[in-house]
């Protein structure tokens, strides 16, 4: 599944998201340029969303997604 995620801007962000998805039994490919995360091995989108949001990022609907700039803009 592909998720649009706001607030990912650097390698730290990428590692945090990958670790969060790994913790629920999946794997993730993170594209910082587009703000997308491709999740494999997790069938429940709500679980993936919660895992990413627990790291301080925001999963958004496709229509609402917009690229963000800045480094480590998560709270």
PDB file of N, CA and C in Angstrom:
ATOM      1  N   UNK A   1       0.837  -1.174   0.000  1.00  0.00           N
ATOM      2  CA  UNK A   1       0.000   0.000   0.000  1.00  0.00           C
ATOM      3  C   UNK A   1       0.878   1.231   0.000  1.00  0.00           C
ATOM      4  N   UNK A   2       0.419   2.275  -0.625  1.00  0.00           N
ATOM      5  CA  UNK A   2       1.155   3.540  -0.671  1.00  0.00           C
ATOM      6  C   UNK A   2       0.456   4.557   0.228  1.00  0.00           C
ATOM      7  N   UNK A   3       1.240   5.176   1.100  1.00  0.00           N
ATOM      8  CA  UNK A   3       0.716   6.188   2.008  1.00  0.00           C
ATOM      9  C   UNK A   3       1.436   7.504   1.758  1.00  0.00           C
ATOM     10  N   UNK A   4       0.702   8.583   1.836  1.00  0.00           N
ATOM     11  CA  UNK A   4       1.278   9.920   1.746  1.00  0.00           C
ATOM     12  C   UNK A   4       1.527  10.400   3.164  1.00  0.00           C
ATOM     13  N   UNK A   5       2.772  10.822   3.406  1.00  0.00           N
ATOM     14  CA  UNK A   5       3.171  11.159   4.767  1.00  0.00           C
ATOM     15  C   UNK A   5       3.800  12.553   4.782  1.00  0.00           C
ATOM     16  N   UNK A   6       3.304  13.410   5.655  1.00  0.00           N
ATOM     17  CA  UNK A   6       3.857  14.751   5.820  1.00  0.00           C
ATOM     18  C   UNK A   6       4.911  14.760   6.907  1.00  0.00           C
ATOM     19  N   UNK A   7       5.928  15.589   6.706  1.00  0.00           N
ATOM     20  CA  UNK A   7       6.930  15.802   7.738  1.00  0.00           C
ATOM     21  C   UNK A   7       8.220  15.034   7.570  1.00  0.00           C
ATOM     22  N   UNK A   8       8.310  14.160   6.578  1.00  0.00           N
ATOM     23  CA  UNK A   8       9.544  13.403   6.350  1.00  0.00           C
ATOM     24  C   UNK A   8      10.459  14.241   5.460  1.00  0.00           C
ATOM     25  N   UNK A   9      11.657  14.542   5.961  1.00  0.00           N
ATOM     26  CA  UNK A   9      12.542  15.407   5.186  1.00  0.00           C
ATOM     27  C   UNK A   9      13.992  14.943   5.123  1.00  0.00           C
ATOM     28  N   UNK A  10      14.372  13.942   5.915  1.00  0.00           N
ATOM     29  CA  UNK A  10      15.785  13.577   5.971  1.00  0.00           C
ATOM     30  C   UNK A  10      15.957  12.083   6.258  1.00  0.00           C
ATOM     31  N   UNK A  11      17.201  11.663   6.311  1.00  0.00           N
ATOM     32  CA  UNK A  11      17.516  10.265   6.568  1.00  0.00           C
ATOM     33  C   UNK A  11      16.989   9.776   7.911  1.00  0.00           C
ATOM     34  N   UNK A  12      17.008  10.640   8.909  1.00  0.00           N
ATOM     35  CA  UNK A  12      16.467  10.258  10.216  1.00  0.00           C
ATOM     36  C   UNK A  12      14.987   9.930  10.090  1.00  0.00           C
ATOM     37  N   UNK A  13      14.269  10.760   9.356  1.00  0.00           N
ATOM     38  CA  UNK A  13      12.836  10.537   9.148  1.00  0.00           C
ATOM     39  C   UNK A  13      12.609   9.188   8.458  1.00  0.00           C
ATOM     40  N   UNK A  14      13.391   8.934   7.433  1.00  0.00           N
ATOM     41  CA  UNK A  14      13.273   7.684   6.684  1.00  0.00           C
ATOM     42  C   UNK A  14      13.494   6.480   7.598  1.00  0.00           C
ATOM     43  N   UNK A  15      14.542   6.528   8.402  1.00  0.00           N
ATOM     44  CA  UNK A  15      14.836   5.414   9.312  1.00  0.00           C
ATOM     45  C   UNK A  15      13.728   5.222  10.341  1.00  0.00           C
ATOM     46  N   UNK A  16      13.181   6.319  10.863  1.00  0.00           N
ATOM     47  CA  UNK A  16      12.123   6.228  11.877  1.00  0.00           C
ATOM     48  C   UNK A  16      10.876   5.554  11.305  1.00  0.00           C
ATOM     49  N   UNK A  17      10.511   5.918  10.080  1.00  0.00           N
ATOM     50  CA  UNK A  17       9.328   5.331   9.452  1.00  0.00           C
ATOM     51  C   UNK A  17       9.570   3.853   9.149  1.00  0.00           C
ATOM     52  N   UNK A  18      10.736   3.526   8.623  1.00  0.00           N
ATOM     53  CA  UNK A  18      11.050   2.124   8.330  1.00  0.00           C
ATOM     54  C   UNK A  18      11.017   1.281   9.604  1.00  0.00           C
ATOM     55  N   UNK A  19      11.567   1.819  10.680  1.00  0.00           N
ATOM     56  CA  UNK A  19      11.587   1.093  11.954  1.00  0.00           C
ATOM     57  C   UNK A  19      10.169   0.892  12.489  1.00  0.00           C
ATOM     58  N   UNK A  20       9.325   1.901  12.356  1.00  0.00           N
ATOM     59  CA  UNK A  20       7.944   1.802  12.833  1.00  0.00           C
ATOM     60  C   UNK A  20       7.179   0.724  12.080  1.00  0.00           C
ATOM     61  N   UNK A  21       7.371   0.661  10.776  1.00  0.00           N
ATOM     62  CA  UNK A  21       6.681  -0.354   9.971  1.00  0.00           C
ATOM     63  C   UNK A  21       7.255  -1.736  10.263  1.00  0.00           C
ATOM     64  N   UNK A  22       8.566  -1.831  10.448  1.00  0.00           N
ATOM     65  CA  UNK A  22       9.184  -3.121  10.788  1.00  0.00           C
ATOM     66  C   UNK A  22       8.643  -3.651  12.109  1.00  0.00           C
ATOM     67  N   UNK A  23       8.349  -2.754  13.047  1.00  0.00           N
ATOM     68  CA  UNK A  23       7.845  -3.154  14.354  1.00  0.00           C
ATOM     69  C   UNK A  23       6.479  -3.828  14.277  1.00  0.00           C
ATOM     70  N   UNK A  24       5.738  -3.591  13.191  1.00  0.00           N
ATOM     71  CA  UNK A  24       4.436  -4.256  13.027  1.00  0.00           C
ATOM     72  C   UNK A  24       4.505  -5.362  11.979  1.00  0.00           C
ATOM     73  N   UNK A  25       5.722  -5.782  11.644  1.00  0.00           N
ATOM     74  CA  UNK A  25       5.900  -6.942  10.775  1.00  0.00           C
ATOM     75  C   UNK A  25       5.985  -6.664   9.295  1.00  0.00           C
ATOM     76  N   UNK A  26       6.184  -5.426   8.912  1.00  0.00           N
ATOM     77  CA  UNK A  26       6.251  -5.089   7.494  1.00  0.00           C
ATOM     78  C   UNK A  26       7.580  -4.480   7.117  1.00  0.00           C
ATOM     79  N   UNK A  27       7.644  -4.016   5.885  1.00  0.00           N
ATOM     80  CA  UNK A  27       8.812  -3.284   5.403  1.00  0.00           C
ATOM     81  C   UNK A  27       8.312  -2.061   4.650  1.00  0.00           C
ATOM     82  N   UNK A  28       9.170  -1.056   4.545  1.00  0.00           N
ATOM     83  CA  UNK A  28       8.753   0.191   3.911  1.00  0.00           C
ATOM     84  C   UNK A  28       9.842   0.727   3.007  1.00  0.00           C
ATOM     85  N   UNK A  29       9.425   1.273   1.887  1.00  0.00           N
ATOM     86  CA  UNK A  29      10.290   2.041   1.004  1.00  0.00           C
ATOM     87  C   UNK A  29       9.823   3.486   1.132  1.00  0.00           C
ATOM     88  N   UNK A  30      10.726   4.359   1.507  1.00  0.00           N
ATOM     89  CA  UNK A  30      10.383   5.760   1.754  1.00  0.00           C
ATOM     90  C   UNK A  30      10.942   6.623   0.630  1.00  0.00           C
ATOM     91  N   UNK A  31      10.108   7.483   0.070  1.00  0.00           N
ATOM     92  CA  UNK A  31      10.543   8.448  -0.940  1.00  0.00           C
ATOM     93  C   UNK A  31      10.354   9.842  -0.344  1.00  0.00           C
ATOM     94  N   UNK A  32      11.456  10.411   0.116  1.00  0.00           N
ATOM     95  CA  UNK A  32      11.386  11.718   0.761  1.00  0.00           C
ATOM     96  C   UNK A  32      10.951  12.807  -0.210  1.00  0.00           C
ATOM     97  N   UNK A  33      11.362  12.695  -1.460  1.00  0.00           N
ATOM     98  CA  UNK A  33      11.045  13.730  -2.454  1.00  0.00           C
ATOM     99  C   UNK A  33       9.545  13.856  -2.701  1.00  0.00           C
ATOM    100  N   UNK A  34       8.853  12.724  -2.692  1.00  0.00           N
ATOM    101  CA  UNK A  34       7.414  12.753  -2.956  1.00  0.00           C
ATOM    102  C   UNK A  34       6.572  12.647  -1.685  1.00  0.00           C
ATOM    103  N   UNK A  35       7.212  12.357  -0.561  1.00  0.00           N
ATOM    104  CA  UNK A  35       6.475  12.214   0.692  1.00  0.00           C
ATOM    105  C   UNK A  35       5.610  10.969   0.716  1.00  0.00           C
ATOM    106  N   UNK A  36       6.091   9.897   0.095  1.00  0.00           N
ATOM    107  CA  UNK A  36       5.317   8.664   0.070  1.00  0.00           C
ATOM    108  C   UNK A  36       6.074   7.529   0.744  1.00  0.00           C
ATOM    109  N   UNK A  37       5.290   6.600   1.264  1.00  0.00           N
ATOM    110  CA  UNK A  37       5.831   5.385   1.873  1.00  0.00           C
ATOM    111  C   UNK A  37       5.096   4.206   1.252  1.00  0.00           C
ATOM    112  N   UNK A  38       5.847   3.296   0.676  1.00  0.00           N
ATOM    113  CA  UNK A  38       5.296   2.073   0.114  1.00  0.00           C
ATOM    114  C   UNK A  38       5.478   0.986   1.170  1.00  0.00           C
ATOM    115  N   UNK A  39       4.368   0.480   1.693  1.00  0.00           N
ATOM    116  CA  UNK A  39       4.395  -0.499   2.779  1.00  0.00           C
ATOM    117  C   UNK A  39       4.083  -1.879   2.228  1.00  0.00           C
ATOM    118  N   UNK A  40       4.905  -2.859   2.592  1.00  0.00           N
ATOM    119  CA  UNK A  40       4.682  -4.246   2.204  1.00  0.00           C
ATOM    120  C   UNK A  40       4.646  -5.101   3.457  1.00  0.00           C
ATOM    121  N   UNK A  41       3.853  -6.160   3.414  1.00  0.00           N
ATOM    122  CA  UNK A  41       3.791  -7.098   4.522  1.00  0.00           C
ATOM    123  C   UNK A  41       2.820  -6.713   5.614  1.00  0.00           C
ATOM    124  N   UNK A  42       2.086  -5.630   5.420  1.00  0.00           N
ATOM    125  CA  UNK A  42       1.072  -5.179   6.376  1.00  0.00           C
ATOM    126  C   UNK A  42      -0.206  -4.973   5.593  1.00  0.00           C
ATOM    127  N   UNK A  43      -1.244  -5.731   5.924  1.00  0.00           N
ATOM    128  CA  UNK A  43      -2.504  -5.624   5.189  1.00  0.00           C
ATOM    129  C   UNK A  43      -3.442  -4.570   5.760  1.00  0.00           C
ATOM    130  N   UNK A  44      -3.243  -4.206   7.001  1.00  0.00           N
ATOM    131  CA  UNK A  44      -4.140  -3.278   7.676  1.00  0.00           C
ATOM    132  C   UNK A  44      -3.592  -1.852   7.575  1.00  0.00           C
ATOM    133  N   UNK A  45      -4.223  -1.037   6.731  1.00  0.00           N
ATOM    134  CA  UNK A  45      -3.779   0.345   6.535  1.00  0.00           C
ATOM    135  C   UNK A  45      -3.831   1.140   7.835  1.00  0.00           C
ATOM    136  N   UNK A  46      -4.816   0.874   8.675  1.00  0.00           N
ATOM    137  CA  UNK A  46      -4.942   1.599   9.938  1.00  0.00           C
ATOM    138  C   UNK A  46      -3.735   1.323  10.844  1.00  0.00           C
ATOM    139  N   UNK A  47      -3.247   0.083  10.853  1.00  0.00           N
ATOM    140  CA  UNK A  47      -2.072  -0.254  11.665  1.00  0.00           C
ATOM    141  C   UNK A  47      -0.833   0.464  11.155  1.00  0.00           C
ATOM    142  N   UNK A  48      -0.672   0.490   9.840  1.00  0.00           N
ATOM    143  CA  UNK A  48       0.473   1.189   9.249  1.00  0.00           C
ATOM    144  C   UNK A  48       0.396   2.672   9.570  1.00  0.00           C
ATOM    145  N   UNK A  49      -0.779   3.231   9.449  1.00  0.00           N
ATOM    146  CA  UNK A  49      -0.978   4.653   9.744  1.00  0.00           C
ATOM    147  C   UNK A  49      -0.620   4.957  11.199  1.00  0.00           C
ATOM    148  N   UNK A  50      -1.121   4.141  12.126  1.00  0.00           N
ATOM    149  CA  UNK A  50      -0.830   4.353  13.555  1.00  0.00           C
ATOM    150  C   UNK A  50       0.670   4.258  13.828  1.00  0.00           C
ATOM    151  N   UNK A  51       1.327   3.286  13.192  1.00  0.00           N
ATOM    152  CA  UNK A  51       2.767   3.108  13.409  1.00  0.00           C
ATOM    153  C   UNK A  51       3.538   4.347  12.962  1.00  0.00           C
ATOM    154  N   UNK A  52       3.206   4.868  11.804  1.00  0.00           N
ATOM    155  CA  UNK A  52       3.890   6.058  11.280  1.00  0.00           C
ATOM    156  C   UNK A  52       3.560   7.279  12.134  1.00  0.00           C
ATOM    157  N   UNK A  53       2.307   7.425  12.480  1.00  0.00           N
ATOM    158  CA  UNK A  53       1.901   8.580  13.278  1.00  0.00           C
ATOM    159  C   UNK A  53       2.473   8.529  14.690  1.00  0.00           C
ATOM    160  N   UNK A  54       2.769   7.321  15.198  1.00  0.00           N
ATOM    161  CA  UNK A  54       3.380   7.212  16.526  1.00  0.00           C
ATOM    162  C   UNK A  54       4.792   7.801  16.536  1.00  0.00           C
ATOM    163  N   UNK A  55       5.385   7.946  15.348  1.00  0.00           N
ATOM    164  CA  UNK A  55       6.714   8.558  15.230  1.00  0.00           C
ATOM    165  C   UNK A  55       6.634  10.068  15.055  1.00  0.00           C
ATOM    166  N   UNK A  56       5.420  10.614  14.996  1.00  0.00           N
ATOM    167  CA  UNK A  56       5.263  12.056  14.909  1.00  0.00           C
ATOM    168  C   UNK A  56       4.972  12.593  13.524  1.00  0.00           C
ATOM    169  N   UNK A  57       4.751  11.719  12.554  1.00  0.00           N
ATOM    170  CA  UNK A  57       4.444  12.132  11.187  1.00  0.00           C
ATOM    171  C   UNK A  57       2.939  12.068  10.966  1.00  0.00           C
ATOM    172  N   UNK A  58       2.469  12.691   9.900  1.00  0.00           N
ATOM    173  CA  UNK A  58       1.049  12.715   9.601  1.00  0.00           C
ATOM    174  C   UNK A  58       0.789  11.998   8.287  1.00  0.00           C
ATOM    175  N   UNK A  59      -0.064  10.978   8.325  1.00  0.00           N
ATOM    176  CA  UNK A  59      -0.489  10.284   7.108  1.00  0.00           C
ATOM    177  C   UNK A  59      -1.712  11.032   6.596  1.00  0.00           C
ATOM    178  N   UNK A  60      -1.669  11.424   5.317  1.00  0.00           N
ATOM    179  CA  UNK A  60      -2.744  12.231   4.741  1.00  0.00           C
ATOM    180  C   UNK A  60      -3.376  11.532   3.553  1.00  0.00           C
ATOM    181  N   UNK A  61      -4.587  11.945   3.238  1.00  0.00           N
ATOM    182  CA  UNK A  61      -5.255  11.447   2.040  1.00  0.00           C
ATOM    183  C   UNK A  61      -4.517  11.965   0.815  1.00  0.00           C
ATOM    184  N   UNK A  62      -4.606  11.227  -0.284  1.00  0.00           N
ATOM    185  CA  UNK A  62      -3.923  11.596  -1.519  1.00  0.00           C
ATOM    186  C   UNK A  62      -4.270  13.017  -1.954  1.00  0.00           C
ATOM    187  N   UNK A  63      -5.520  13.383  -1.882  1.00  0.00           N
ATOM    188  CA  UNK A  63      -5.949  14.703  -2.330  1.00  0.00           C
ATOM    189  C   UNK A  63      -5.372  15.821  -1.474  1.00  0.00           C
ATOM    190  N   UNK A  64      -5.094  15.514  -0.206  1.00  0.00           N
ATOM    191  CA  UNK A  64      -4.598  16.544   0.701  1.00  0.00           C
ATOM    192  C   UNK A  64      -3.075  16.589   0.769  1.00  0.00           C
ATOM    193  N   UNK A  65      -2.391  15.634   0.170  1.00  0.00           N
ATOM    194  CA  UNK A  65      -0.948  15.542   0.283  1.00  0.00           C
ATOM    195  C   UNK A  65      -0.257  16.659  -0.496  1.00  0.00           C
ATOM    196  N   UNK A  66       0.748  17.234   0.141  1.00  0.00           N
ATOM    197  CA  UNK A  66       1.557  18.256  -0.508  1.00  0.00           C
ATOM    198  C   UNK A  66       2.982  18.115   0.007  1.00  0.00           C
ATOM    199  N   UNK A  67       3.974  18.246  -0.854  1.00  0.00           N
ATOM    200  CA  UNK A  67       5.364  18.120  -0.414  1.00  0.00           C
ATOM    201  C   UNK A  67       5.703  19.189   0.628  1.00  0.00           C
ATOM    202  N   UNK A  68       6.441  18.793   1.631  1.00  0.00           N
ATOM    203  CA  UNK A  68       6.879  19.721   2.673  1.00  0.00           C
ATOM    204  C   UNK A  68       8.370  19.907   2.543  1.00  0.00           C
ATOM    205  N   UNK A  69       8.868  21.038   3.025  1.00  0.00           N
ATOM    206  CA  UNK A  69      10.290  21.280   3.003  1.00  0.00           C
ATOM    207  C   UNK A  69      10.790  21.492   4.418  1.00  0.00           C
ATOM    208  N   UNK A  70      12.083  21.394   4.603  1.00  0.00           N
ATOM    209  CA  UNK A  70      12.665  21.574   5.923  1.00  0.00           C
ATOM    210  C   UNK A  70      13.172  20.265   6.468  1.00  0.00           C
ATOM    211  N   UNK A  71      14.010  20.330   7.446  1.00  0.00           N
ATOM    212  CA  UNK A  71      14.606  19.133   8.024  1.00  0.00           C
ATOM    213  C   UNK A  71      13.957  18.811   9.360  1.00  0.00           C
ATOM    214  N   UNK A  72      13.567  17.579   9.488  1.00  0.00           N
ATOM    215  CA  UNK A  72      13.006  17.086  10.745  1.00  0.00           C
ATOM    216  C   UNK A  72      11.902  18.002  11.273  1.00  0.00           C
ATOM    217  N   UNK A  73      10.903  18.227  10.448  1.00  0.00           N
ATOM    218  CA  UNK A  73       9.829  19.138  10.828  1.00  0.00           C
ATOM    219  C   UNK A  73       8.793  18.497  11.722  1.00  0.00           C
ATOM    220  N   UNK A  74       9.023  17.237  12.116  1.00  0.00           N
ATOM    221  CA  UNK A  74       8.064  16.597  13.016  1.00  0.00           C
ATOM    222  C   UNK A  74       8.189  17.200  14.403  1.00  0.00           C
ATOM    223  N   UNK A  75       7.098  17.187  15.171  1.00  0.00           N
ATOM    224  CA  UNK A  75       7.148  17.796  16.514  1.00  0.00           C
ATOM    225  C   UNK A  75       8.044  17.044  17.464  1.00  0.00           C
TER     226      UNK A  75
END
